[in-house]
Amino acid sequence: MKRAVFFFGVLTLLTLGLIFLYEAQAGEPKVLIPDPKWDFGFTPGGSVVSHHYLIKNLGTDTLKIESVRPG
């Protein structure tokens, strides 16, 4: 009897933990950048080039872009 109660308690805690973990991840932002790399090819020195990137949030929470580093 004590084993059954212990087993049920452990099973309940694991289930609640998994539910909490799933709910925590469901509300997170998820970024999608379809084409993360862009090659400008040969550019003469001193020229200014630019490219626009499409950034999409697949998650349900607000996506905050706090810094950008050129690669």
N, C-alpha and C. Protein backbone atom coordinates (compact mmCIF):
# COMPACT_ATOMS: atom_id res chain seq x y z
N MET A 1 0.82 -1.19 0.00
CA MET A 1 0.00 0.00 0.00
C MET A 1 0.87 1.26 0.00
N LYS A 2 1.93 1.28 0.82
CA LYS A 2 2.79 2.44 0.88
C LYS A 2 3.53 2.63 -0.44
N ARG A 3 3.89 1.52 -1.08
CA ARG A 3 4.56 1.61 -2.39
C ARG A 3 3.64 2.22 -3.44
N ALA A 4 2.38 1.84 -3.41
CA ALA A 4 1.43 2.36 -4.39
C ALA A 4 1.24 3.86 -4.20
N VAL A 5 1.12 4.30 -2.96
CA VAL A 5 0.95 5.73 -2.68
C VAL A 5 2.21 6.48 -3.10
N PHE A 6 3.38 5.94 -2.79
CA PHE A 6 4.64 6.57 -3.18
C PHE A 6 4.76 6.66 -4.70
N PHE A 7 4.46 5.55 -5.39
CA PHE A 7 4.54 5.53 -6.84
C PHE A 7 3.57 6.54 -7.45
N PHE A 8 2.35 6.60 -6.93
CA PHE A 8 1.36 7.55 -7.43
C PHE A 8 1.83 8.99 -7.20
N GLY A 9 2.43 9.26 -6.04
CA GLY A 9 2.94 10.60 -5.75
C GLY A 9 4.05 11.02 -6.70
N VAL A 10 4.99 10.10 -6.96
CA VAL A 10 6.08 10.39 -7.88
C VAL A 10 5.55 10.61 -9.29
N LEU A 11 4.62 9.78 -9.71
CA LEU A 11 4.02 9.91 -11.04
C LEU A 11 3.29 11.24 -11.17
N THR A 12 2.58 11.65 -10.14
CA THR A 12 1.86 12.92 -10.16
C THR A 12 2.83 14.10 -10.26
N LEU A 13 3.92 14.05 -9.48
CA LEU A 13 4.91 15.13 -9.54
C LEU A 13 5.58 15.22 -10.91
N LEU A 14 5.90 14.08 -11.50
CA LEU A 14 6.49 14.09 -12.84
C LEU A 14 5.53 14.66 -13.86
N THR A 15 4.28 14.29 -13.78
CA THR A 15 3.27 14.79 -14.72
C THR A 15 3.11 16.30 -14.58
N LEU A 16 3.02 16.78 -13.35
CA LEU A 16 2.89 18.23 -13.13
C LEU A 16 4.13 18.97 -13.62
N GLY A 17 5.31 18.39 -13.42
CA GLY A 17 6.54 19.00 -13.90
C GLY A 17 6.57 19.11 -15.41
N LEU A 18 6.13 18.06 -16.10
CA LEU A 18 6.10 18.08 -17.56
C LEU A 18 5.09 19.10 -18.08
N ILE A 19 3.95 19.20 -17.41
CA ILE A 19 2.94 20.19 -17.82
C ILE A 19 3.49 21.60 -17.64
N PHE A 20 4.14 21.85 -16.51
CA PHE A 20 4.72 23.17 -16.26
C PHE A 20 5.80 23.50 -17.29
N LEU A 21 6.65 22.52 -17.62
CA LEU A 21 7.70 22.73 -18.61
C LEU A 21 7.11 23.04 -19.97
N TYR A 22 6.06 22.32 -20.37
CA TYR A 22 5.42 22.55 -21.67
C TYR A 22 4.81 23.95 -21.72
N GLU A 23 4.12 24.36 -20.65
CA GLU A 23 3.50 25.68 -20.64
C GLU A 23 4.54 26.79 -20.64
N ALA A 24 5.68 26.58 -19.99
CA ALA A 24 6.74 27.58 -19.98
C ALA A 24 7.33 27.76 -21.37
N GLN A 25 7.48 26.67 -22.12
CA GLN A 25 8.05 26.75 -23.46
C GLN A 25 7.05 27.26 -24.47
N ALA A 26 5.77 27.03 -24.25
CA ALA A 26 4.75 27.43 -25.22
C ALA A 26 4.66 28.95 -25.34
N GLY A 27 4.97 29.69 -24.28
CA GLY A 27 4.86 31.13 -24.32
C GLY A 27 6.12 31.85 -24.75
N GLU A 28 7.14 31.14 -25.12
CA GLU A 28 8.41 31.76 -25.47
C GLU A 28 8.41 32.24 -26.92
N PRO A 29 9.20 33.27 -27.22
CA PRO A 29 9.35 33.67 -28.62
C PRO A 29 10.27 32.69 -29.34
N LYS A 30 10.01 32.48 -30.62
CA LYS A 30 10.85 31.61 -31.45
C LYS A 30 11.11 32.35 -32.75
N VAL A 31 12.38 32.58 -33.03
CA VAL A 31 12.74 33.38 -34.20
C VAL A 31 12.95 32.48 -35.42
N LEU A 32 12.52 32.98 -36.57
CA LEU A 32 12.75 32.31 -37.85
C LEU A 32 13.33 33.33 -38.81
N ILE A 33 14.51 33.03 -39.34
CA ILE A 33 15.14 33.85 -40.38
C ILE A 33 15.34 32.92 -41.57
N PRO A 34 14.46 33.03 -42.59
CA PRO A 34 14.52 32.08 -43.71
C PRO A 34 15.86 32.05 -44.44
N ASP A 35 16.47 33.20 -44.70
CA ASP A 35 17.76 33.27 -45.39
C ASP A 35 18.75 34.01 -44.51
N PRO A 36 19.41 33.33 -43.56
CA PRO A 36 20.26 34.03 -42.60
C PRO A 36 21.58 34.54 -43.18
N LYS A 37 21.99 34.08 -44.36
CA LYS A 37 23.26 34.52 -44.94
C LYS A 37 23.01 35.20 -46.28
N TRP A 38 23.80 36.23 -46.54
CA TRP A 38 23.70 36.95 -47.80
C TRP A 38 25.10 37.26 -48.29
N ASP A 39 25.37 36.94 -49.54
CA ASP A 39 26.69 37.18 -50.12
C ASP A 39 26.59 38.36 -51.08
N PHE A 40 27.31 39.43 -50.79
CA PHE A 40 27.32 40.60 -51.65
C PHE A 40 28.27 40.44 -52.82
N GLY A 41 29.04 39.39 -52.83
CA GLY A 41 30.01 39.21 -53.90
C GLY A 41 31.15 40.21 -53.74
N PHE A 42 31.76 40.57 -54.86
CA PHE A 42 32.87 41.52 -54.82
C PHE A 42 32.31 42.93 -54.68
N THR A 43 32.81 43.65 -53.71
CA THR A 43 32.43 45.06 -53.54
C THR A 43 33.71 45.88 -53.41
N PRO A 44 33.83 46.95 -54.17
CA PRO A 44 35.03 47.78 -54.07
C PRO A 44 35.15 48.41 -52.69
N GLY A 45 36.36 48.66 -52.25
CA GLY A 45 36.59 49.27 -50.95
C GLY A 45 35.89 50.61 -50.83
N GLY A 46 35.32 50.87 -49.67
CA GLY A 46 34.64 52.13 -49.42
C GLY A 46 33.19 52.17 -49.88
N SER A 47 32.72 51.11 -50.55
CA SER A 47 31.33 51.13 -51.00
C SER A 47 30.40 50.74 -49.84
N VAL A 48 29.19 51.24 -49.89
CA VAL A 48 28.19 50.96 -48.86
C VAL A 48 27.19 49.97 -49.43
N VAL A 49 26.99 48.89 -48.73
CA VAL A 49 26.03 47.87 -49.16
C VAL A 49 25.03 47.61 -48.04
N SER A 50 23.84 47.14 -48.40
CA SER A 50 22.84 46.82 -47.38
C SER A 50 21.97 45.67 -47.88
N HIS A 51 21.32 45.02 -46.96
CA HIS A 51 20.41 43.92 -47.28
C HIS A 51 19.35 43.87 -46.19
N HIS A 52 18.11 43.65 -46.58
CA HIS A 52 17.01 43.54 -45.62
C HIS A 52 16.76 42.07 -45.32
N TYR A 53 16.64 41.74 -44.04
CA TYR A 53 16.36 40.37 -43.61
C TYR A 53 14.93 40.29 -43.09
N LEU A 54 14.24 39.23 -43.44
CA LEU A 54 12.91 38.96 -42.92
C LEU A 54 13.09 38.17 -41.61
N ILE A 55 12.56 38.70 -40.53
CA ILE A 55 12.63 38.04 -39.23
C ILE A 55 11.20 37.81 -38.77
N LYS A 56 10.88 36.55 -38.47
CA LYS A 56 9.52 36.21 -38.08
C LYS A 56 9.51 35.57 -36.71
N ASN A 57 8.55 35.94 -35.88
CA ASN A 57 8.37 35.36 -34.56
C ASN A 57 7.36 34.23 -34.67
N LEU A 58 7.79 32.99 -34.45
CA LEU A 58 6.89 31.84 -34.50
C LEU A 58 6.29 31.53 -33.14
N GLY A 59 6.79 32.15 -32.09
CA GLY A 59 6.29 31.90 -30.75
C GLY A 59 5.09 32.78 -30.43
N THR A 60 4.62 32.68 -29.19
CA THR A 60 3.46 33.45 -28.78
C THR A 60 3.82 34.66 -27.93
N ASP A 61 5.06 34.74 -27.45
CA ASP A 61 5.48 35.88 -26.64
C ASP A 61 6.18 36.91 -27.52
N THR A 62 6.40 38.09 -27.01
CA THR A 62 7.04 39.17 -27.76
C THR A 62 8.51 38.84 -28.00
N LEU A 63 8.93 38.99 -29.24
CA LEU A 63 10.32 38.77 -29.62
C LEU A 63 11.06 40.10 -29.50
N LYS A 64 12.10 40.12 -28.67
CA LYS A 64 12.89 41.34 -28.48
C LYS A 64 14.27 41.13 -29.05
N ILE A 65 14.66 41.96 -30.01
CA ILE A 65 15.99 41.92 -30.59
C ILE A 65 16.81 42.97 -29.87
N GLU A 66 17.74 42.52 -29.04
CA GLU A 66 18.50 43.44 -28.19
C GLU A 66 19.85 43.83 -28.77
N SER A 67 20.40 43.02 -29.66
CA SER A 67 21.67 43.38 -30.29
C SER A 67 21.81 42.63 -31.61
N VAL A 68 22.57 43.25 -32.50
CA VAL A 68 22.84 42.66 -33.81
C VAL A 68 24.34 42.73 -34.03
N ARG A 69 24.93 41.60 -34.45
CA ARG A 69 26.37 41.58 -34.73
C ARG A 69 26.59 41.16 -36.18
N PRO A 70 27.27 41.99 -36.95
CA PRO A 70 27.59 41.59 -38.33
C PRO A 70 28.60 40.45 -38.31
N GLY A 71 28.49 39.55 -39.26
CA GLY A 71 29.36 38.38 -39.24
C GLY A 71 30.40 38.37 -40.29
